[in-house]
mmCIF file of all heavy atoms, coordinates in Angstrom:
data_MODEL
# 
_entry.id   MODEL 
# 
loop_
_atom_site.group_PDB 
_atom_site.id 
_atom_site.type_symbol 
_atom_site.label_atom_id 
_atom_site.label_alt_id 
_atom_site.label_comp_id 
_atom_site.label_asym_id 
_atom_site.label_entity_id 
_atom_site.label_seq_id 
_atom_site.pdbx_PDB_ins_code 
_atom_site.Cartn_x 
_atom_site.Cartn_y 
_atom_site.Cartn_z 
_atom_site.occupancy 
_atom_site.B_iso_or_equiv 
_atom_site.pdbx_formal_charge 
_atom_site.auth_seq_id 
_atom_site.auth_comp_id 
_atom_site.auth_asym_id 
_atom_site.auth_atom_id 
_atom_site.pdbx_PDB_model_num 
ATOM 1   N N   . ARG A 1 1  ? 13.502  12.976 10.347  1.00 0.00 ? 1  ARG A N   1 
ATOM 2   C CA  . ARG A 1 1  ? 13.038  14.072 9.475   1.00 0.00 ? 1  ARG A CA  1 
ATOM 3   C C   . ARG A 1 1  ? 13.292  13.673 8.007   1.00 0.00 ? 1  ARG A C   1 
ATOM 4   O O   . ARG A 1 1  ? 12.437  13.978 7.107   1.00 0.00 ? 1  ARG A O   1 
ATOM 5   C CB  . ARG A 1 1  ? 13.771  15.369 9.753   1.00 0.00 ? 1  ARG A CB  1 
ATOM 6   C CG  . ARG A 1 1  ? 13.168  16.106 10.975  1.00 0.00 ? 1  ARG A CG  1 
ATOM 7   C CD  . ARG A 1 1  ? 13.634  17.590 11.023  1.00 0.00 ? 1  ARG A CD  1 
ATOM 8   N NE  . ARG A 1 1  ? 15.048  17.716 10.919  1.00 0.00 ? 1  ARG A NE  1 
ATOM 9   C CZ  . ARG A 1 1  ? 15.900  17.811 11.814  1.00 0.00 ? 1  ARG A CZ  1 
ATOM 10  N NH1 . ARG A 1 1  ? 15.538  17.661 13.069  1.00 0.00 ? 1  ARG A NH1 1 
ATOM 11  N NH2 . ARG A 1 1  ? 17.281  18.032 11.608  1.00 0.00 ? 1  ARG A NH2 1 
ATOM 12  N N   . VAL A 1 2  ? 14.405  13.088 7.748   1.00 0.00 ? 2  VAL A N   1 
ATOM 13  C CA  . VAL A 1 2  ? 14.795  12.715 6.349   1.00 0.00 ? 2  VAL A CA  1 
ATOM 14  C C   . VAL A 1 2  ? 13.814  11.631 5.806   1.00 0.00 ? 2  VAL A C   1 
ATOM 15  O O   . VAL A 1 2  ? 13.263  11.821 4.727   1.00 0.00 ? 2  VAL A O   1 
ATOM 16  C CB  . VAL A 1 2  ? 16.224  12.221 6.263   1.00 0.00 ? 2  VAL A CB  1 
ATOM 17  C CG1 . VAL A 1 2  ? 16.562  11.549 4.928   1.00 0.00 ? 2  VAL A CG1 1 
ATOM 18  C CG2 . VAL A 1 2  ? 17.241  13.379 6.515   1.00 0.00 ? 2  VAL A CG2 1 
ATOM 19  N N   . GLU A 1 3  ? 13.592  10.615 6.549   1.00 0.00 ? 3  GLU A N   1 
ATOM 20  C CA  . GLU A 1 3  ? 12.631  9.600  6.132   1.00 0.00 ? 3  GLU A CA  1 
ATOM 21  C C   . GLU A 1 3  ? 11.275  10.095 6.072   1.00 0.00 ? 3  GLU A C   1 
ATOM 22  O O   . GLU A 1 3  ? 10.521  9.728  5.133   1.00 0.00 ? 3  GLU A O   1 
ATOM 23  C CB  . GLU A 1 3  ? 12.725  8.337  7.055   1.00 0.00 ? 3  GLU A CB  1 
ATOM 24  C CG  . GLU A 1 3  ? 13.966  7.479  6.778   1.00 0.00 ? 3  GLU A CG  1 
ATOM 25  C CD  . GLU A 1 3  ? 14.011  7.057  5.315   1.00 0.00 ? 3  GLU A CD  1 
ATOM 26  O OE1 . GLU A 1 3  ? 13.014  6.737  4.617   1.00 0.00 ? 3  GLU A OE1 1 
ATOM 27  O OE2 . GLU A 1 3  ? 15.186  6.938  4.838   1.00 0.00 ? 3  GLU A OE2 1 
ATOM 28  N N   . LEU A 1 4  ? 10.795  10.976 6.959   1.00 0.00 ? 4  LEU A N   1 
ATOM 29  C CA  . LEU A 1 4  ? 9.516   11.508 6.898   1.00 0.00 ? 4  LEU A CA  1 
ATOM 30  C C   . LEU A 1 4  ? 9.311   12.324 5.557   1.00 0.00 ? 4  LEU A C   1 
ATOM 31  O O   . LEU A 1 4  ? 8.356   12.188 4.829   1.00 0.00 ? 4  LEU A O   1 
ATOM 32  C CB  . LEU A 1 4  ? 9.137   12.329 8.060   1.00 0.00 ? 4  LEU A CB  1 
ATOM 33  C CG  . LEU A 1 4  ? 7.772   12.999 8.086   1.00 0.00 ? 4  LEU A CG  1 
ATOM 34  C CD1 . LEU A 1 4  ? 6.685   11.935 8.058   1.00 0.00 ? 4  LEU A CD1 1 
ATOM 35  C CD2 . LEU A 1 4  ? 7.628   13.897 9.362   1.00 0.00 ? 4  LEU A CD2 1 
ATOM 36  N N   . ALA A 1 5  ? 10.362  13.121 5.290   1.00 0.00 ? 5  ALA A N   1 
ATOM 37  C CA  . ALA A 1 5  ? 10.305  13.914 4.008   1.00 0.00 ? 5  ALA A CA  1 
ATOM 38  C C   . ALA A 1 5  ? 10.203  12.998 2.805   1.00 0.00 ? 5  ALA A C   1 
ATOM 39  O O   . ALA A 1 5  ? 9.531   13.339 1.866   1.00 0.00 ? 5  ALA A O   1 
ATOM 40  C CB  . ALA A 1 5  ? 11.506  14.818 3.979   1.00 0.00 ? 5  ALA A CB  1 
ATOM 41  N N   . ARG A 1 6  ? 10.936  11.901 2.836   1.00 0.00 ? 6  ARG A N   1 
ATOM 42  C CA  . ARG A 1 6  ? 10.907  10.978 1.700   1.00 0.00 ? 6  ARG A CA  1 
ATOM 43  C C   . ARG A 1 6  ? 9.536   10.342 1.472   1.00 0.00 ? 6  ARG A C   1 
ATOM 44  O O   . ARG A 1 6  ? 9.028   10.145 0.347   1.00 0.00 ? 6  ARG A O   1 
ATOM 45  C CB  . ARG A 1 6  ? 11.965  9.845  1.884   1.00 0.00 ? 6  ARG A CB  1 
ATOM 46  C CG  . ARG A 1 6  ? 13.348  10.390 1.725   1.00 0.00 ? 6  ARG A CG  1 
ATOM 47  C CD  . ARG A 1 6  ? 14.393  9.311  1.933   1.00 0.00 ? 6  ARG A CD  1 
ATOM 48  N NE  . ARG A 1 6  ? 15.694  9.735  1.694   1.00 0.00 ? 6  ARG A NE  1 
ATOM 49  C CZ  . ARG A 1 6  ? 16.774  9.162  2.183   1.00 0.00 ? 6  ARG A CZ  1 
ATOM 50  N NH1 . ARG A 1 6  ? 16.732  8.052  2.901   1.00 0.00 ? 6  ARG A NH1 1 
ATOM 51  N NH2 . ARG A 1 6  ? 18.025  9.642  1.934   1.00 0.00 ? 6  ARG A NH2 1 
ATOM 52  N N   . VAL A 1 7  ? 8.922   9.925  2.594   1.00 0.00 ? 7  VAL A N   1 
ATOM 53  C CA  . VAL A 1 7  ? 7.551   9.398  2.561   1.00 0.00 ? 7  VAL A CA  1 
ATOM 54  C C   . VAL A 1 7  ? 6.582   10.372 1.968   1.00 0.00 ? 7  VAL A C   1 
ATOM 55  O O   . VAL A 1 7  ? 5.810   10.087 1.130   1.00 0.00 ? 7  VAL A O   1 
ATOM 56  C CB  . VAL A 1 7  ? 7.027   8.838  3.921   1.00 0.00 ? 7  VAL A CB  1 
ATOM 57  C CG1 . VAL A 1 7  ? 5.617   8.500  3.910   1.00 0.00 ? 7  VAL A CG1 1 
ATOM 58  C CG2 . VAL A 1 7  ? 7.856   7.693  4.416   1.00 0.00 ? 7  VAL A CG2 1 
ATOM 59  N N   . VAL A 1 8  ? 6.636   11.618 2.485   1.00 0.00 ? 8  VAL A N   1 
ATOM 60  C CA  . VAL A 1 8  ? 5.734   12.714 2.009   1.00 0.00 ? 8  VAL A CA  1 
ATOM 61  C C   . VAL A 1 8  ? 5.975   12.891 0.481   1.00 0.00 ? 8  VAL A C   1 
ATOM 62  O O   . VAL A 1 8  ? 5.008   13.039 -0.204  1.00 0.00 ? 8  VAL A O   1 
ATOM 63  C CB  . VAL A 1 8  ? 5.946   13.945 2.893   1.00 0.00 ? 8  VAL A CB  1 
ATOM 64  C CG1 . VAL A 1 8  ? 5.196   15.104 2.203   1.00 0.00 ? 8  VAL A CG1 1 
ATOM 65  C CG2 . VAL A 1 8  ? 5.447   13.706 4.270   1.00 0.00 ? 8  VAL A CG2 1 
ATOM 66  N N   . GLN A 1 9  ? 7.289   12.968 0.164   1.00 0.00 ? 9  GLN A N   1 
ATOM 67  C CA  . GLN A 1 9  ? 7.514   13.191 -1.291  1.00 0.00 ? 9  GLN A CA  1 
ATOM 68  C C   . GLN A 1 9  ? 6.977   12.070 -2.109  1.00 0.00 ? 9  GLN A C   1 
ATOM 69  O O   . GLN A 1 9  ? 6.357   12.272 -3.174  1.00 0.00 ? 9  GLN A O   1 
ATOM 70  C CB  . GLN A 1 9  ? 9.023   13.378 -1.506  1.00 0.00 ? 9  GLN A CB  1 
ATOM 71  C CG  . GLN A 1 9  ? 9.427   13.564 -2.963  1.00 0.00 ? 9  GLN A CG  1 
ATOM 72  C CD  . GLN A 1 9  ? 10.902  13.661 -3.181  1.00 0.00 ? 9  GLN A CD  1 
ATOM 73  O OE1 . GLN A 1 9  ? 11.695  13.327 -2.287  1.00 0.00 ? 9  GLN A OE1 1 
ATOM 74  N NE2 . GLN A 1 9  ? 11.322  14.083 -4.324  1.00 0.00 ? 9  GLN A NE2 1 
ATOM 75  N N   . ARG A 1 10 ? 7.181   10.869 -1.710  1.00 0.00 ? 10 ARG A N   1 
ATOM 76  C CA  . ARG A 1 10 ? 6.627   9.707  -2.489  1.00 0.00 ? 10 ARG A CA  1 
ATOM 77  C C   . ARG A 1 10 ? 5.127   9.759  -2.541  1.00 0.00 ? 10 ARG A C   1 
ATOM 78  O O   . ARG A 1 10 ? 4.514   9.494  -3.616  1.00 0.00 ? 10 ARG A O   1 
ATOM 79  C CB  . ARG A 1 10 ? 7.125   8.357  -1.808  1.00 0.00 ? 10 ARG A CB  1 
ATOM 80  C CG  . ARG A 1 10 ? 6.502   7.157  -2.473  1.00 0.00 ? 10 ARG A CG  1 
ATOM 81  C CD  . ARG A 1 10 ? 7.029   6.962  -3.837  1.00 0.00 ? 10 ARG A CD  1 
ATOM 82  N NE  . ARG A 1 10 ? 6.314   5.917  -4.494  1.00 0.00 ? 10 ARG A NE  1 
ATOM 83  C CZ  . ARG A 1 10 ? 5.758   6.038  -5.740  1.00 0.00 ? 10 ARG A CZ  1 
ATOM 84  N NH1 . ARG A 1 10 ? 5.845   7.203  -6.438  1.00 0.00 ? 10 ARG A NH1 1 
ATOM 85  N NH2 . ARG A 1 10 ? 5.155   5.076  -6.248  1.00 0.00 ? 10 ARG A NH2 1 
ATOM 86  N N   . TRP A 1 11 ? 4.467   10.085 -1.402  1.00 0.00 ? 11 TRP A N   1 
ATOM 87  C CA  . TRP A 1 11 ? 3.005   10.237 -1.391  1.00 0.00 ? 11 TRP A CA  1 
ATOM 88  C C   . TRP A 1 11 ? 2.552   11.240 -2.462  1.00 0.00 ? 11 TRP A C   1 
ATOM 89  O O   . TRP A 1 11 ? 1.551   10.979 -3.087  1.00 0.00 ? 11 TRP A O   1 
ATOM 90  C CB  . TRP A 1 11 ? 2.546   10.605 -0.021  1.00 0.00 ? 11 TRP A CB  1 
ATOM 91  C CG  . TRP A 1 11 ? 1.081   10.508 0.217   1.00 0.00 ? 11 TRP A CG  1 
ATOM 92  C CD1 . TRP A 1 11 ? 0.215   11.551 0.267   1.00 0.00 ? 11 TRP A CD1 1 
ATOM 93  C CD2 . TRP A 1 11 ? 0.268   9.280  0.370   1.00 0.00 ? 11 TRP A CD2 1 
ATOM 94  N NE1 . TRP A 1 11 ? -1.068  11.072 0.404   1.00 0.00 ? 11 TRP A NE1 1 
ATOM 95  C CE2 . TRP A 1 11 ? -1.091  9.700  0.481   1.00 0.00 ? 11 TRP A CE2 1 
ATOM 96  C CE3 . TRP A 1 11 ? 0.594   7.960  0.408   1.00 0.00 ? 11 TRP A CE3 1 
ATOM 97  C CZ2 . TRP A 1 11 ? -2.090  8.772  0.632   1.00 0.00 ? 11 TRP A CZ2 1 
ATOM 98  C CZ3 . TRP A 1 11 ? -0.466  7.038  0.580   1.00 0.00 ? 11 TRP A CZ3 1 
ATOM 99  C CH2 . TRP A 1 11 ? -1.721  7.441  0.720   1.00 0.00 ? 11 TRP A CH2 1 
ATOM 100 N N   . ARG A 1 12 ? 3.145   12.376 -2.483  1.00 0.00 ? 12 ARG A N   1 
ATOM 101 C CA  . ARG A 1 12 ? 2.764   13.389 -3.414  1.00 0.00 ? 12 ARG A CA  1 
ATOM 102 C C   . ARG A 1 12 ? 2.933   12.947 -4.867  1.00 0.00 ? 12 ARG A C   1 
ATOM 103 O O   . ARG A 1 12 ? 2.257   13.549 -5.727  1.00 0.00 ? 12 ARG A O   1 
ATOM 104 C CB  . ARG A 1 12 ? 3.583   14.692 -3.183  1.00 0.00 ? 12 ARG A CB  1 
ATOM 105 C CG  . ARG A 1 12 ? 3.241   15.367 -1.887  1.00 0.00 ? 12 ARG A CG  1 
ATOM 106 C CD  . ARG A 1 12 ? 4.037   16.544 -1.665  1.00 0.00 ? 12 ARG A CD  1 
ATOM 107 N NE  . ARG A 1 12 ? 3.661   17.209 -0.439  1.00 0.00 ? 12 ARG A NE  1 
ATOM 108 C CZ  . ARG A 1 12 ? 4.462   17.985 0.281   1.00 0.00 ? 12 ARG A CZ  1 
ATOM 109 N NH1 . ARG A 1 12 ? 5.646   18.283 -0.206  1.00 0.00 ? 12 ARG A NH1 1 
ATOM 110 N NH2 . ARG A 1 12 ? 4.038   18.560 1.361   1.00 0.00 ? 12 ARG A NH2 1 
ATOM 111 N N   . GLN A 1 13 ? 3.779   12.044 -5.084  1.00 0.00 ? 13 GLN A N   1 
ATOM 112 C CA  . GLN A 1 13 ? 3.968   11.534 -6.534  1.00 0.00 ? 13 GLN A CA  1 
ATOM 113 C C   . GLN A 1 13 ? 2.976   10.465 -6.990  1.00 0.00 ? 13 GLN A C   1 
ATOM 114 O O   . GLN A 1 13 ? 2.791   10.226 -8.139  1.00 0.00 ? 13 GLN A O   1 
ATOM 115 C CB  . GLN A 1 13 ? 5.390   10.940 -6.658  1.00 0.00 ? 13 GLN A CB  1 
ATOM 116 C CG  . GLN A 1 13 ? 6.484   11.892 -6.414  1.00 0.00 ? 13 GLN A CG  1 
ATOM 117 C CD  . GLN A 1 13 ? 7.854   11.190 -6.305  1.00 0.00 ? 13 GLN A CD  1 
ATOM 118 O OE1 . GLN A 1 13 ? 7.934   9.966  -6.122  1.00 0.00 ? 13 GLN A OE1 1 
ATOM 119 N NE2 . GLN A 1 13 ? 8.956   11.903 -6.421  1.00 0.00 ? 13 GLN A NE2 1 
ATOM 120 N N   . LEU A 1 14 ? 2.190   9.961  -5.986  1.00 0.00 ? 14 LEU A N   1 
ATOM 121 C CA  . LEU A 1 14 ? 1.348   8.893  -6.336  1.00 0.00 ? 14 LEU A CA  1 
ATOM 122 C C   . LEU A 1 14 ? 0.068   9.427  -7.001  1.00 0.00 ? 14 LEU A C   1 
ATOM 123 O O   . LEU A 1 14 ? -0.593  10.408 -6.567  1.00 0.00 ? 14 LEU A O   1 
ATOM 124 C CB  . LEU A 1 14 ? 0.841   8.153  -5.050  1.00 0.00 ? 14 LEU A CB  1 
ATOM 125 C CG  . LEU A 1 14 ? 1.912   7.377  -4.299  1.00 0.00 ? 14 LEU A CG  1 
ATOM 126 C CD1 . LEU A 1 14 ? 1.283   6.831  -2.992  1.00 0.00 ? 14 LEU A CD1 1 
ATOM 127 C CD2 . LEU A 1 14 ? 2.402   6.239  -5.160  1.00 0.00 ? 14 LEU A CD2 1 
ATOM 128 N N   . PRO A 1 15 ? -0.437  8.745  -8.018  1.00 0.00 ? 15 PRO A N   1 
ATOM 129 C CA  . PRO A 1 15 ? -1.738  9.066  -8.592  1.00 0.00 ? 15 PRO A CA  1 
ATOM 130 C C   . PRO A 1 15 ? -2.799  8.768  -7.536  1.00 0.00 ? 15 PRO A C   1 
ATOM 131 O O   . PRO A 1 15 ? -2.555  7.967  -6.586  1.00 0.00 ? 15 PRO A O   1 
ATOM 132 C CB  . PRO A 1 15 ? -1.933  8.148  -9.788  1.00 0.00 ? 15 PRO A CB  1 
ATOM 133 C CG  . PRO A 1 15 ? -0.576  7.601  -10.072 1.00 0.00 ? 15 PRO A CG  1 
ATOM 134 C CD  . PRO A 1 15 ? 0.194   7.709  -8.801  1.00 0.00 ? 15 PRO A CD  1 
ATOM 135 N N   . LEU A 1 16 ? -3.911  9.387  -7.547  1.00 0.00 ? 16 LEU A N   1 
ATOM 136 C CA  . LEU A 1 16 ? -4.998  9.281  -6.564  1.00 0.00 ? 16 LEU A CA  1 
ATOM 137 C C   . LEU A 1 16 ? -5.391  7.878  -6.270  1.00 0.00 ? 16 LEU A C   1 
ATOM 138 O O   . LEU A 1 16 ? -5.548  7.446  -5.155  1.00 0.00 ? 16 LEU A O   1 
ATOM 139 C CB  . LEU A 1 16 ? -6.211  10.213 -6.826  1.00 0.00 ? 16 LEU A CB  1 
ATOM 140 C CG  . LEU A 1 16 ? -7.261  10.222 -5.802  1.00 0.00 ? 16 LEU A CG  1 
ATOM 141 C CD1 . LEU A 1 16 ? -6.739  10.700 -4.444  1.00 0.00 ? 16 LEU A CD1 1 
ATOM 142 C CD2 . LEU A 1 16 ? -8.421  11.140 -6.233  1.00 0.00 ? 16 LEU A CD2 1 
ATOM 143 N N   . ASP A 1 17 ? -5.543  7.068  -7.327  1.00 0.00 ? 17 ASP A N   1 
ATOM 144 C CA  . ASP A 1 17 ? -5.974  5.711  -7.133  1.00 0.00 ? 17 ASP A CA  1 
ATOM 145 C C   . ASP A 1 17 ? -4.976  4.847  -6.363  1.00 0.00 ? 17 ASP A C   1 
ATOM 146 O O   . ASP A 1 17 ? -5.246  4.063  -5.516  1.00 0.00 ? 17 ASP A O   1 
ATOM 147 C CB  . ASP A 1 17 ? -6.374  4.969  -8.464  1.00 0.00 ? 17 ASP A CB  1 
ATOM 148 C CG  . ASP A 1 17 ? -5.218  4.958  -9.415  1.00 0.00 ? 17 ASP A CG  1 
ATOM 149 O OD1 . ASP A 1 17 ? -4.324  5.817  -9.424  1.00 0.00 ? 17 ASP A OD1 1 
ATOM 150 O OD2 . ASP A 1 17 ? -5.190  3.988  -10.204 1.00 0.00 ? 17 ASP A OD2 1 
ATOM 151 N N   . GLN A 1 18 ? -3.654  5.097  -6.613  1.00 0.00 ? 18 GLN A N   1 
ATOM 152 C CA  . GLN A 1 18 ? -2.598  4.396  -5.889  1.00 0.00 ? 18 GLN A CA  1 
ATOM 153 C C   . GLN A 1 18 ? -2.544  4.962  -4.470  1.00 0.00 ? 18 GLN A C   1 
ATOM 154 O O   . GLN A 1 18 ? -2.271  4.150  -3.560  1.00 0.00 ? 18 GLN A O   1 
ATOM 155 C CB  . GLN A 1 18 ? -1.257  4.669  -6.491  1.00 0.00 ? 18 GLN A CB  1 
ATOM 156 C CG  . GLN A 1 18 ? -0.955  3.770  -7.759  1.00 0.00 ? 18 GLN A CG  1 
ATOM 157 C CD  . GLN A 1 18 ? 0.457   3.940  -8.185  1.00 0.00 ? 18 GLN A CD  1 
ATOM 158 O OE1 . GLN A 1 18 ? 0.676   4.831  -8.929  1.00 0.00 ? 18 GLN A OE1 1 
ATOM 159 N NE2 . GLN A 1 18 ? 1.325   3.149  -7.707  1.00 0.00 ? 18 GLN A NE2 1 
ATOM 160 N N   . ALA A 1 19 ? -2.815  6.222  -4.234  1.00 0.00 ? 19 ALA A N   1 
ATOM 161 C CA  . ALA A 1 19 ? -2.803  6.731  -2.872  1.00 0.00 ? 19 ALA A CA  1 
ATOM 162 C C   . ALA A 1 19 ? -3.944  6.120  -2.060  1.00 0.00 ? 19 ALA A C   1 
ATOM 163 O O   . ALA A 1 19 ? -3.701  5.733  -0.923  1.00 0.00 ? 19 ALA A O   1 
ATOM 164 C CB  . ALA A 1 19 ? -2.941  8.273  -2.938  1.00 0.00 ? 19 ALA A CB  1 
ATOM 165 N N   . ARG A 1 20 ? -5.053  6.026  -2.684  1.00 0.00 ? 20 ARG A N   1 
ATOM 166 C CA  . ARG A 1 20 ? -6.177  5.410  -1.990  1.00 0.00 ? 20 ARG A CA  1 
ATOM 167 C C   . ARG A 1 20 ? -5.921  3.893  -1.587  1.00 0.00 ? 20 ARG A C   1 
ATOM 168 O O   . ARG A 1 20 ? -6.224  3.428  -0.590  1.00 0.00 ? 20 ARG A O   1 
ATOM 169 C CB  . ARG A 1 20 ? -7.487  5.475  -2.867  1.00 0.00 ? 20 ARG A CB  1 
ATOM 170 C CG  . ARG A 1 20 ? -8.141  6.785  -2.833  1.00 0.00 ? 20 ARG A CG  1 
ATOM 171 C CD  . ARG A 1 20 ? -9.412  6.795  -3.560  1.00 0.00 ? 20 ARG A CD  1 
ATOM 172 N NE  . ARG A 1 20 ? -10.074 8.109  -3.547  1.00 0.00 ? 20 ARG A NE  1 
ATOM 173 C CZ  . ARG A 1 20 ? -10.507 8.693  -4.597  1.00 0.00 ? 20 ARG A CZ  1 
ATOM 174 N NH1 . ARG A 1 20 ? -10.521 8.109  -5.809  1.00 0.00 ? 20 ARG A NH1 1 
ATOM 175 N NH2 . ARG A 1 20 ? -11.055 9.882  -4.482  1.00 0.00 ? 20 ARG A NH2 1 
ATOM 176 N N   . SER A 1 21 ? -5.171  3.226  -2.576  1.00 0.00 ? 21 SER A N   1 
ATOM 177 C CA  . SER A 1 21 ? -4.886  1.827  -2.285  1.00 0.00 ? 21 SER A CA  1 
ATOM 178 C C   . SER A 1 21 ? -3.732  1.702  -1.305  1.00 0.00 ? 21 SER A C   1 
ATOM 179 O O   . SER A 1 21 ? -3.569  0.635  -0.597  1.00 0.00 ? 21 SER A O   1 
ATOM 180 C CB  . SER A 1 21 ? -4.563  1.065  -3.574  1.00 0.00 ? 21 SER A CB  1 
ATOM 181 O OG  . SER A 1 21 ? -3.345  1.528  -4.147  1.00 0.00 ? 21 SER A OG  1 
ATOM 182 N N   . GLY A 1 22 ? -3.023  2.730  -1.104  1.00 0.00 ? 22 GLY A N   1 
ATOM 183 C CA  . GLY A 1 22 ? -1.962  2.718  -0.102  1.00 0.00 ? 22 GLY A CA  1 
ATOM 184 C C   . GLY A 1 22 ? -2.390  3.183  1.279   1.00 0.00 ? 22 GLY A C   1 
ATOM 185 O O   . GLY A 1 22 ? -1.687  3.086  2.264   1.00 0.00 ? 22 GLY A O   1 
ATOM 186 N N   . MET A 1 23 ? -3.607  3.662  1.395   1.00 0.00 ? 23 MET A N   1 
ATOM 187 C CA  . MET A 1 23 ? -4.132  4.088  2.654   1.00 0.00 ? 23 MET A CA  1 
ATOM 188 C C   . MET A 1 23 ? -3.994  3.057  3.743   1.00 0.00 ? 23 MET A C   1 
ATOM 189 O O   . MET A 1 23 ? -3.718  3.439  4.896   1.00 0.00 ? 23 MET A O   1 
ATOM 190 C CB  . MET A 1 23 ? -5.560  4.648  2.520   1.00 0.00 ? 23 MET A CB  1 
ATOM 191 C CG  . MET A 1 23 ? -5.621  6.023  1.858   1.00 0.00 ? 23 MET A CG  1 
ATOM 192 S SD  . MET A 1 23 ? -4.923  7.339  2.862   1.00 0.00 ? 23 MET A SD  1 
ATOM 193 C CE  . MET A 1 23 ? -6.186  7.409  4.194   1.00 0.00 ? 23 MET A CE  1 
ATOM 194 N N   . PRO A 1 24 ? -4.314  1.786  3.547   1.00 0.00 ? 24 PRO A N   1 
ATOM 195 C CA  . PRO A 1 24 ? -4.318  0.790  4.631   1.00 0.00 ? 24 PRO A CA  1 
ATOM 196 C C   . PRO A 1 24 ? -2.855  0.763  5.283   1.00 0.00 ? 24 PRO A C   1 
ATOM 197 O O   . PRO A 1 24 ? -2.729  0.624  6.453   1.00 0.00 ? 24 PRO A O   1 
ATOM 198 C CB  . PRO A 1 24 ? -4.617  -0.546 3.969   1.00 0.00 ? 24 PRO A CB  1 
ATOM 199 C CG  . PRO A 1 24 ? -5.545  -0.128 2.903   1.00 0.00 ? 24 PRO A CG  1 
ATOM 200 C CD  . PRO A 1 24 ? -4.959  1.197  2.347   1.00 0.00 ? 24 PRO A CD  1 
ATOM 201 N N   . GLN A 1 25 ? -1.814  0.801  4.397   1.00 0.00 ? 25 GLN A N   1 
ATOM 202 C CA  . GLN A 1 25 ? -0.435  0.753  4.974   1.00 0.00 ? 25 GLN A CA  1 
ATOM 203 C C   . GLN A 1 25 ? -0.148  1.960  5.835   1.00 0.00 ? 25 GLN A C   1 
ATOM 204 O O   . GLN A 1 25 ? 0.424   1.953  6.863   1.00 0.00 ? 25 GLN A O   1 
ATOM 205 C CB  . GLN A 1 25 ? 0.586   0.697  3.796   1.00 0.00 ? 25 GLN A CB  1 
ATOM 206 C CG  . GLN A 1 25 ? 0.606   -0.609 3.071   1.00 0.00 ? 25 GLN A CG  1 
ATOM 207 C CD  . GLN A 1 25 ? -0.298  -0.603 1.835   1.00 0.00 ? 25 GLN A CD  1 
ATOM 208 O OE1 . GLN A 1 25 ? -1.236  0.157  1.724   1.00 0.00 ? 25 GLN A OE1 1 
ATOM 209 N NE2 . GLN A 1 25 ? 0.031   -1.459 0.878   1.00 0.00 ? 25 GLN A NE2 1 
ATOM 210 N N   . VAL A 1 26 ? -0.590  3.161  5.302   1.00 0.00 ? 26 VAL A N   1 
ATOM 211 C CA  . VAL A 1 26 ? -0.374  4.315  6.134   1.00 0.00 ? 26 VAL A CA  1 
ATOM 212 C C   . VAL A 1 26 ? -1.200  4.370  7.417   1.00 0.00 ? 26 VAL A C   1 
ATOM 213 O O   . VAL A 1 26 ? -0.664  4.697  8.490   1.00 0.00 ? 26 VAL A O   1 
ATOM 214 C CB  . VAL A 1 26 ? -0.768  5.647  5.231   1.00 0.00 ? 26 VAL A CB  1 
ATOM 215 C CG1 . VAL A 1 26 ? -0.574  6.894  6.051   1.00 0.00 ? 26 VAL A CG1 1 
ATOM 216 C CG2 . VAL A 1 26 ? 0.068   5.682  4.051   1.00 0.00 ? 26 VAL A CG2 1 
# 
């Protein structure tokens, strides 16, 4: 739960272009 919350928090901090570029890892 702790690590999942950290991933979600990090994802919410990403600008949209970085989120899009991070999609393959996710």
